[in-house]
Protein backbone atom coordinates (compact mmCIF):
# COMPACT_ATOMS: atom_id res chain seq x y z
CA UNK A 1 -48.98 -16.19 43.31
CA UNK A 2 -50.11 -12.71 44.34
CA UNK A 3 -49.61 -10.16 47.10
CA UNK A 4 -53.07 -10.11 48.68
CA UNK A 5 -52.98 -11.96 51.97
CA UNK A 6 -54.73 -12.12 55.32
CA UNK A 7 -52.80 -11.18 58.44
CA UNK A 8 -54.57 -11.80 61.76
CA UNK A 9 -57.87 -11.91 59.88
CA UNK A 10 -57.35 -8.62 57.97
CA UNK A 11 -56.75 -8.43 54.23
CA UNK A 12 -53.58 -6.70 53.08
CA UNK A 13 -52.52 -5.60 49.61
CA UNK A 14 -48.76 -5.98 49.91
CA UNK A 15 -48.18 -4.13 53.21
CA UNK A 16 -51.35 -2.02 53.11
CA UNK A 17 -54.46 -2.82 55.11
CA UNK A 18 -57.22 -2.54 52.50
CA UNK A 19 -59.62 -1.16 55.13
CA UNK A 20 -57.40 1.93 55.36
CA UNK A 21 -57.59 2.39 51.59
CA UNK A 22 -61.39 2.12 51.64
CA UNK A 23 -61.62 4.59 54.52
CA UNK A 24 -59.65 7.18 52.57
CA UNK A 25 -60.77 6.52 48.98
CA UNK A 26 -64.25 5.08 49.39
CA UNK A 27 -65.90 2.13 47.65
CA UNK A 28 -66.20 0.53 45.22
CA UNK A 29 -62.50 0.73 44.48
CA UNK A 30 -60.05 -1.28 42.40
CA UNK A 31 -56.82 -2.01 44.28
CA UNK A 32 -53.77 -3.21 42.34
CA UNK A 33 -50.50 -4.68 43.60
CA UNK A 34 -47.47 -3.41 41.70
CA UNK A 35 -45.33 -6.28 42.99
CA UNK A 36 -47.78 -8.84 41.56
CA UNK A 37 -47.75 -7.22 38.12
CA UNK A 38 -43.97 -7.19 38.06
CA UNK A 39 -43.60 -10.72 39.39
CA UNK A 40 -45.98 -12.22 36.84
CA UNK A 41 -44.29 -10.36 33.97
CA UNK A 42 -40.86 -11.46 35.15
CA UNK A 43 -41.94 -15.12 35.35
CA UNK A 44 -43.06 -15.04 31.72
CA UNK A 45 -39.88 -13.26 30.62
CA UNK A 46 -37.75 -15.84 32.42
CA UNK A 47 -39.75 -18.79 31.10
CA UNK A 48 -39.12 -17.83 27.45
CA UNK A 49 -35.61 -16.42 27.86
CA UNK A 50 -34.08 -19.14 25.66
CA UNK A 51 -35.91 -17.64 22.66
CA UNK A 52 -35.86 -14.14 21.17
CA UNK A 53 -39.13 -13.21 22.87
CA UNK A 54 -41.12 -9.99 23.13
CA UNK A 55 -43.85 -9.92 25.78
CA UNK A 56 -46.66 -7.58 24.70
CA UNK A 57 -49.03 -6.96 27.60
CA UNK A 58 -52.66 -6.89 26.49
CA UNK A 59 -53.83 -3.33 27.13
CA UNK A 60 -57.51 -4.22 26.91
CA UNK A 61 -57.18 -6.27 30.10
CA UNK A 62 -56.02 -3.37 32.28
CA UNK A 63 -55.14 -0.12 30.57
CA UNK A 64 -54.44 2.49 33.25
CA UNK A 65 -51.49 4.51 31.95
CA UNK A 66 -49.75 4.45 35.33
CA UNK A 67 -49.67 0.67 35.14
CA UNK A 68 -48.55 0.73 31.51
CA UNK A 69 -45.68 3.04 32.47
CA UNK A 70 -44.11 0.70 35.00
CA UNK A 71 -44.78 -2.30 32.79
CA UNK A 72 -42.84 -0.57 30.01
CA UNK A 73 -40.05 0.17 32.49
CA UNK A 74 -39.87 -3.57 33.18
CA UNK A 75 -39.40 -4.33 29.46
CA UNK A 76 -42.95 -5.05 28.38
CA UNK A 77 -44.28 -4.28 24.93
CA UNK A 78 -48.01 -3.90 24.32
CA UNK A 79 -50.83 -5.60 22.43
CA UNK A 80 -53.47 -3.06 21.36
CA UNK A 81 -56.85 -3.32 19.63
CA UNK A 82 -57.87 0.31 19.06
CA UNK A 83 -56.64 3.81 18.40
CA UNK A 84 -57.50 4.72 21.97
CA UNK A 85 -55.26 1.99 23.28
CA UNK A 86 -52.49 3.18 20.95
CA UNK A 87 -52.87 6.65 22.42
CA UNK A 88 -52.69 5.27 25.96
CA UNK A 89 -49.53 3.31 25.24
CA UNK A 90 -47.84 6.28 23.58
CA UNK A 91 -48.43 8.29 26.78
CA UNK A 92 -46.73 5.55 28.78
CA UNK A 93 -43.95 4.03 26.65
CA UNK A 94 -41.20 5.25 24.35
CA UNK A 95 -40.80 2.13 22.19
CA UNK A 96 -43.60 1.97 19.63
CA UNK A 97 -41.60 -0.80 17.93
CA UNK A 98 -42.81 -3.13 20.71
CA UNK A 99 -46.49 -2.54 19.90
CA UNK A 100 -48.58 -5.10 18.02
CA UNK A 101 -51.99 -4.01 16.74
CA UNK A 102 -54.77 -6.61 16.51
CA UNK A 103 -58.50 -6.37 15.82
CA UNK A 104 -60.80 -7.11 12.89
CA UNK A 105 -62.18 -3.60 12.40
CA UNK A 106 -59.34 -1.07 12.37
CA UNK A 107 -60.54 2.23 10.90
CA UNK A 108 -58.52 4.22 8.37
CA UNK A 109 -57.83 6.89 10.99
CA UNK A 110 -56.59 4.29 13.48
CA UNK A 111 -54.34 2.65 10.89
CA UNK A 112 -52.80 5.99 9.90
CA UNK A 113 -52.14 6.84 13.55
CA UNK A 114 -50.34 3.51 14.00
CA UNK A 115 -48.35 3.97 10.79
CA UNK A 116 -47.19 7.39 11.93
CA UNK A 117 -46.17 5.93 15.29
CA UNK A 118 -44.06 3.23 13.55
CA UNK A 119 -45.50 0.34 15.54
CA UNK A 120 -43.89 -3.10 15.38
CA UNK A 121 -46.55 -5.21 13.65
CA UNK A 122 -50.11 -5.01 12.41
CA UNK A 123 -51.90 -8.29 13.07
CA UNK A 124 -53.93 -8.78 9.88
CA UNK A 125 -57.33 -10.45 10.07
CA UNK A 126 -58.43 -10.54 6.40
CA UNK A 127 -57.39 -9.86 2.80
CA UNK A 128 -59.60 -6.77 2.75
CA UNK A 129 -57.81 -5.34 5.78
CA UNK A 130 -54.41 -6.10 4.26
CA UNK A 131 -55.35 -4.37 1.00
CA UNK A 132 -56.49 -1.33 2.98
CA UNK A 133 -53.29 -1.27 5.03
CA UNK A 134 -51.22 -1.39 1.83
CA UNK A 135 -53.25 1.47 0.33
CA UNK A 136 -52.86 3.65 3.41
CA UNK A 137 -49.15 2.85 3.83
CA UNK A 138 -48.54 3.89 0.22
CA UNK A 139 -50.54 7.10 0.70
CA UNK A 140 -48.54 7.97 3.83
CA UNK A 141 -45.21 6.99 2.29
CA UNK A 142 -44.66 4.56 5.18
CA UNK A 143 -43.32 1.03 5.38
CA UNK A 144 -44.54 -1.37 8.04
CA UNK A 145 -44.57 -5.03 9.02
CA UNK A 146 -47.56 -7.31 9.33
CA UNK A 147 -48.45 -10.71 10.76
CA UNK A 148 -51.24 -12.72 9.18
CA UNK A 149 -53.62 -14.14 11.78
CA UNK A 150 -54.13 -17.81 11.04
CA UNK A 151 -56.75 -20.01 12.69
CA UNK A 152 -55.27 -23.46 13.36
CA UNK A 153 -58.79 -24.89 13.97
CA UNK A 154 -57.92 -26.06 17.47
CA UNK A 155 -60.58 -26.94 20.04
CA UNK A 156 -60.10 -24.56 22.97
CA UNK A 157 -62.36 -25.24 25.91
CA UNK A 158 -63.60 -21.95 27.30
CA UNK A 159 -66.78 -19.85 27.26
CA UNK A 160 -68.24 -19.70 23.74
CA UNK A 161 -67.74 -15.91 23.64
CA UNK A 162 -64.01 -16.33 24.37
CA UNK A 163 -62.97 -18.96 21.81
CA UNK A 164 -61.44 -17.50 18.63
CA UNK A 165 -59.21 -20.16 17.05
CA UNK A 166 -61.75 -22.22 15.09
CA UNK A 167 -62.42 -21.81 11.37
CA UNK A 168 -65.91 -20.46 11.96
CA UNK A 169 -64.89 -17.17 13.58
CA UNK A 170 -64.70 -13.53 12.56
CA UNK A 171 -60.98 -13.56 13.38
CA UNK A 172 -58.16 -14.39 10.96
CA UNK A 173 -58.00 -16.86 8.06
CA UNK A 174 -57.65 -20.65 7.91
CA UNK A 175 -54.35 -22.35 7.12
CA UNK A 176 -55.27 -23.21 3.52
CA UNK A 177 -56.21 -19.61 2.76
CA UNK A 178 -53.02 -18.28 4.33
CA UNK A 179 -50.94 -19.67 1.46
CA UNK A 180 -53.05 -17.75 -1.05
CA UNK A 181 -52.75 -14.53 0.96
CA UNK A 182 -48.96 -14.76 0.97
CA UNK A 183 -48.91 -15.66 -2.73
CA UNK A 184 -50.84 -12.50 -3.57
CA UNK A 185 -49.44 -9.99 -1.08
CA UNK A 186 -46.19 -11.47 0.21
CA UNK A 187 -44.02 -9.39 -2.09
CA UNK A 188 -45.50 -6.00 -1.29
CA UNK A 189 -42.86 -3.38 -0.57
CA UNK A 190 -44.97 -1.12 1.63
CA UNK A 191 -46.32 -3.82 3.96
CA UNK A 192 -43.84 -6.56 4.72
CA UNK A 193 -45.97 -9.63 5.47
CA UNK A 194 -43.33 -11.43 7.50
CA UNK A 195 -45.00 -13.05 10.51
CA UNK A 196 -47.78 -15.41 11.57
CA UNK A 197 -50.19 -14.63 14.37
CA UNK A 198 -52.25 -17.22 16.26
CA UNK A 199 -54.75 -16.60 19.05
CA UNK A 200 -56.93 -19.43 20.33
CA UNK A 201 -59.11 -17.55 22.78
CA UNK A 202 -58.94 -16.69 26.45
CA UNK A 203 -59.34 -18.28 29.89
CA UNK A 204 -57.81 -21.56 28.82
CA UNK A 205 -56.49 -23.93 31.45
CA UNK A 206 -54.53 -26.42 29.34
CA UNK A 207 -51.14 -26.39 27.63
CA UNK A 208 -52.06 -28.90 24.91
CA UNK A 209 -54.03 -26.51 22.65
CA UNK A 210 -51.02 -24.17 22.39
CA UNK A 211 -48.67 -27.06 21.65
CA UNK A 212 -51.05 -28.37 18.97
CA UNK A 213 -51.36 -24.89 17.47
CA UNK A 214 -47.58 -24.55 17.15
CA UNK A 215 -47.34 -28.05 15.67
CA UNK A 216 -49.96 -27.12 13.04
CA UNK A 217 -48.44 -23.72 12.24
CA UNK A 218 -44.78 -24.73 11.87
CA UNK A 219 -45.38 -26.73 8.65
CA UNK A 220 -47.14 -23.66 7.22
CA UNK A 221 -44.11 -21.52 8.08
CA UNK A 222 -41.78 -24.10 6.51
CA UNK A 223 -43.92 -24.15 3.37
CA UNK A 224 -44.00 -20.34 3.12
CA UNK A 225 -40.24 -20.16 3.54
CA UNK A 226 -39.75 -22.81 0.84
CA UNK A 227 -41.78 -20.57 -1.49
CA UNK A 228 -39.41 -17.68 -0.86
CA UNK A 229 -41.30 -15.77 1.83
CA UNK A 230 -39.41 -14.43 4.83
CA UNK A 231 -41.15 -15.39 8.06
CA UNK A 232 -39.30 -13.77 10.93
CA UNK A 233 -41.76 -14.03 13.82
CA UNK A 234 -44.51 -16.14 15.33
CA UNK A 235 -47.04 -14.34 17.52
CA UNK A 236 -48.79 -16.86 19.79
CA UNK A 237 -51.24 -14.31 21.15
CA UNK A 238 -52.53 -14.51 24.70
CA UNK A 239 -55.40 -16.15 26.50
CA UNK A 240 -53.30 -17.92 29.10
CA UNK A 241 -55.52 -18.54 32.09
CA UNK A 242 -55.41 -16.95 35.53
CA UNK A 243 -56.03 -18.52 38.92
CA UNK A 244 -59.58 -17.41 39.61
CA UNK A 245 -59.45 -20.51 41.78
CA UNK A 246 -56.14 -21.32 43.43
CA UNK A 247 -53.66 -23.41 41.43
CA UNK A 248 -56.02 -24.25 38.55
CA UNK A 249 -53.96 -23.09 35.55
CA UNK A 250 -50.46 -23.93 34.29
CA UNK A 251 -47.61 -21.64 35.25
CA UNK A 252 -45.62 -19.63 32.70
CA UNK A 253 -42.80 -22.15 33.09
CA UNK A 254 -45.15 -25.05 32.34
CA UNK A 255 -46.49 -23.37 29.21
CA UNK A 256 -42.93 -22.64 28.09
CA UNK A 257 -41.87 -26.24 28.70
CA UNK A 258 -44.33 -27.31 26.01
CA UNK A 259 -43.70 -24.48 23.55
CA UNK A 260 -40.00 -23.57 23.73
CA UNK A 261 -38.63 -26.96 22.53
CA UNK A 262 -40.80 -26.73 19.40
CA UNK A 263 -39.39 -23.31 18.48
CA UNK A 264 -35.81 -23.51 19.73
CA UNK A 265 -34.14 -24.12 16.35
CA UNK A 266 -36.70 -22.49 14.06
CA UNK A 267 -35.03 -19.07 13.68
CA UNK A 268 -38.21 -17.31 14.76
CA UNK A 269 -38.80 -14.37 17.01
CA UNK A 270 -41.57 -15.16 19.47
CA UNK A 271 -44.26 -12.65 20.45
CA UNK A 272 -46.63 -13.33 23.35
CA UNK A 273 -49.65 -11.22 24.30
CA UNK A 274 -50.51 -12.12 27.91
CA UNK A 275 -53.22 -10.17 29.69
CA UNK A 276 -55.08 -11.80 32.55
CA UNK A 277 -52.20 -14.15 33.37
CA UNK A 278 -50.30 -11.01 34.40
CA UNK A 279 -52.97 -8.73 35.79
CA UNK A 280 -55.99 -10.74 36.96
CA UNK A 281 -54.55 -11.69 40.32
CA UNK A 282 -52.82 -8.31 40.59
CA UNK A 283 -56.13 -6.61 41.40
CA UNK A 284 -59.14 -6.85 43.67
CA UNK A 285 -62.37 -4.87 43.76
CA UNK A 286 -63.38 -3.75 47.23
CA UNK A 287 -67.08 -3.13 47.84
CA UNK A 288 -69.11 -2.30 50.93
CA UNK A 289 -72.25 -4.09 52.13
CA UNK A 290 -75.33 -1.85 51.98
CA UNK A 291 -78.04 -4.24 53.11
CA UNK A 292 -78.82 -7.88 53.78
CA UNK A 293 -82.25 -9.32 53.11
CA UNK A 294 -84.22 -12.53 52.91
CA UNK A 295 -86.25 -13.25 49.78
CA UNK A 296 -88.17 -16.52 50.01
CA UNK A 297 -85.54 -19.17 50.57
CA UNK A 298 -82.73 -16.87 49.43
CA UNK A 299 -80.40 -14.69 51.45
CA UNK A 300 -79.07 -11.64 49.66
CA UNK A 301 -76.06 -9.46 50.38
CA UNK A 302 -76.50 -6.14 48.56
CA UNK A 303 -73.28 -4.21 47.95
CA UNK A 304 -72.39 -0.80 46.57
CA UNK A 305 -70.63 -2.18 43.46
CA UNK A 306 -72.70 -3.21 40.49
CA UNK A 307 -72.46 -4.95 37.15
CA UNK A 308 -71.37 -1.63 35.69
CA UNK A 309 -68.24 -1.88 37.86
CA UNK A 310 -67.49 -5.57 37.17
CA UNK A 311 -69.54 -7.15 34.41
CA UNK A 312 -67.76 -10.51 34.03
CA UNK A 313 -70.14 -12.53 36.28
CA UNK A 314 -73.19 -11.17 34.43
CA UNK A 315 -71.63 -11.42 30.96
CA UNK A 316 -69.75 -14.72 31.15
CA UNK A 317 -71.12 -16.26 34.35
CA UNK A 318 -67.50 -15.86 35.44
CA UNK A 319 -66.36 -16.94 38.89
CA UNK A 320 -64.67 -14.48 41.24
CA UNK A 321 -63.77 -15.55 44.74
CA UNK A 322 -65.41 -13.20 47.27
CA UNK A 323 -64.58 -12.90 50.96
CA UNK A 324 -64.84 -10.27 53.69
CA UNK A 325 -61.82 -8.03 54.15
CA UNK A 326 -61.92 -8.73 57.87
CA UNK A 327 -62.80 -12.10 59.44
CA UNK A 328 -62.08 -14.19 62.51
CA UNK A 329 -58.84 -16.13 62.13
CA UNK A 330 -60.74 -19.43 61.82
CA UNK A 331 -62.52 -18.00 58.75
CA UNK A 332 -59.39 -16.92 56.87
CA UNK A 333 -59.77 -18.75 53.52
CA UNK A 334 -57.09 -21.39 52.87
CA UNK A 335 -57.53 -20.99 49.10
CA UNK A 336 -59.82 -19.48 46.47
CA UNK A 337 -62.34 -22.19 45.65
CA UNK A 338 -65.90 -22.28 44.27
CA UNK A 339 -66.91 -24.95 46.74
CA UNK A 340 -65.17 -23.54 49.83
CA UNK A 341 -67.47 -23.93 52.85
CA UNK A 342 -65.96 -23.24 56.23
CA UNK A 343 -67.81 -23.82 59.49
CA UNK A 344 -69.85 -20.75 60.30
CA UNK A 345 -70.46 -19.62 56.73
CA UNK A 346 -73.91 -19.01 55.24
CA UNK A 347 -75.07 -19.40 51.64
CA UNK A 348 -75.99 -16.11 49.98
CA UNK A 349 -76.29 -14.31 46.66
CA UNK A 350 -74.02 -11.26 46.40
CA UNK A 351 -75.80 -8.66 44.27
CA UNK A 352 -75.46 -5.01 43.31
CA UNK A 353 -77.76 -1.98 43.12
CA UNK A 354 -78.14 -1.84 39.33
CA UNK A 355 -81.71 -2.13 38.08
CA UNK A 356 -81.19 -5.49 36.36
CA UNK A 357 -81.88 -9.04 37.55
CA UNK A 358 -78.52 -9.94 36.04
CA UNK A 359 -76.67 -7.63 38.43
CA UNK A 360 -74.87 -10.17 40.61
CA UNK A 361 -71.35 -11.19 41.61
CA UNK A 362 -72.08 -14.60 43.13
CA UNK A 363 -75.01 -16.95 43.50
CA UNK A 364 -75.45 -19.58 46.21
CA UNK A 365 -72.03 -18.75 47.63
CA UNK A 366 -70.90 -19.70 51.15
CA UNK A 367 -69.60 -16.59 52.94
CA UNK A 368 -68.93 -15.64 56.54
CA UNK A 369 -71.86 -13.67 58.00
CA UNK A 370 -71.72 -9.98 57.08
CA UNK A 371 -73.75 -6.92 57.97
CA UNK A 372 -74.19 -3.37 56.75
CA UNK A 373 -70.83 -1.60 56.48
CA UNK A 374 -68.68 -4.71 56.06
CA UNK A 375 -66.15 -4.72 53.25
CA UNK A 376 -66.09 -7.55 50.71
CA UNK A 377 -63.14 -8.24 48.45
CA UNK A 378 -63.82 -9.52 44.96
CA UNK A 379 -60.58 -11.27 44.05
CA UNK A 380 -58.84 -11.74 40.69
CA UNK A 381 -60.44 -8.54 39.40
CA UNK A 382 -57.38 -6.96 37.80
CA UNK A 383 -58.25 -8.19 34.30
CA UNK A 384 -61.31 -6.92 32.44
CA UNK A 385 -62.65 -5.36 35.60
CA UNK A 386 -62.27 -1.62 35.41
CA UNK A 387 -61.50 -1.76 31.68
CA UNK A 388 -65.01 -3.11 30.97
CA UNK A 389 -66.79 -0.87 33.46
CA UNK A 390 -69.42 1.63 32.39
CA UNK A 391 -71.73 4.40 33.55
CA UNK A 392 -74.90 2.34 33.21
CA UNK A 393 -77.69 3.64 35.50
CA UNK A 394 -75.71 6.93 35.53
CA UNK A 395 -73.30 5.43 38.04
CA UNK A 396 -69.87 6.96 38.54
CA UNK A 397 -67.00 4.62 37.77
CA UNK A 398 -64.83 3.44 40.63
CA UNK A 399 -61.47 4.80 41.72
CA UNK A 400 -58.28 2.86 40.95
CA UNK A 401 -55.49 2.55 43.50
CA UNK A 402 -51.95 1.20 43.08
CA UNK A 403 -50.18 -0.27 46.11
CA UNK A 404 -46.40 -0.33 46.21
CA UNK A 405 -45.15 -1.88 49.44
CA UNK A 406 -46.58 0.14 52.33
CA UNK A 407 -47.76 3.05 50.18
CA UNK A 408 -50.71 3.55 47.88
CA UNK A 409 -51.52 6.05 45.15
CA UNK A 410 -54.85 6.91 43.57
CA UNK A 411 -54.07 6.35 39.89
CA UNK A 412 -57.59 7.19 38.71
CA UNK A 413 -59.93 9.41 40.66
CA UNK A 414 -63.48 8.34 41.32
CA UNK A 415 -65.80 9.93 38.78
CA UNK A 416 -68.24 12.62 39.86
CA UNK A 417 -71.74 13.45 38.70
CA UNK A 418 -70.24 16.42 36.89
CA UNK A 419 -68.01 14.02 34.95
CA UNK A 420 -71.08 12.11 33.82
CA UNK A 421 -72.53 15.09 31.95
CA UNK A 422 -69.35 17.02 31.07
CA UNK A 423 -69.45 16.03 27.40
CA UNK A 424 -73.17 16.74 27.12
CA UNK A 425 -72.99 20.45 27.97
């Protein structure tokens, strides 16, 4: 599933001992496996090869331009949600036609930038946004294509902050309203409203919601076509889960087995916007133990990474498997599992140095004994790890490293104190 494995008790990223990376680059550090990125992308491409499919990697999940460059080289398009992400992609890829632009609050400046770049599709979230896009396209003398985001009102079991496909959400419009939107704007000559976009949420672990969404959307597409509208594409968004615990989510092939038969004879281009299913297991965060302490009945392991480096546990109570980068062979983990308890482990809280009680990575977690100086690996950190990091507590953001076989490259330098105040001078 990924290219992070233990050999004789030592953790390797592809063919690189992660201890060597930490010794040279320092900690905390994000370490990515190029082979894992490429393998996960290829599996999705292969799974949907029977359809005219464009895979648009979700930039918000992991946006380093060095990663975007090799993803583009492997045929990926990109899903963006801001002008900054558009700028990043344009530094990395030549084909703006494979960019889809989502988000409920696109500014006029961002829309104009995307129009000038001739992106593939704007994903439209409301009538007001569509009217504004039409106005700006006419002002710029540009023509563009758009997909209307439709909420199929499907129950999608995930964290409440991550579900977006119900009627009561700030995203998109409901199916009934979609017909009225096409009736009013479907004939516009500046903005060709020619696609439907659906996004249920993120971190899902079931195929059924996606199948149900397609089954609810296809009659809408048939109805729109019968009314004379050209619907050329269906964008099924992203949200496909990642294995934060081993073998807990469907594979790309399993998702495709449910979706492809429904679309095979529908004369529709398919757009997918995977993020974490490609990059989550392609990255780890390596952090060093500063102290251990006892507090009442609790044992604490205090590390040099904080919630500013990886906020998902504090924000979503998200699970990340954590294990030392070097252990006795008998303590090499057989899988990533919340309840994994091997003989010789102790139950601890893994916490950071940030001045917040919510600064933690794991609570009541069984880990092998560690001491000051030991390295811990926080697994499945490639998605929404560095991209959501911050300078809270005036902390410098971590370095990012890309491993390719037996070589590694620093693809983002560790910030310095000077960097923290550079824009304030």
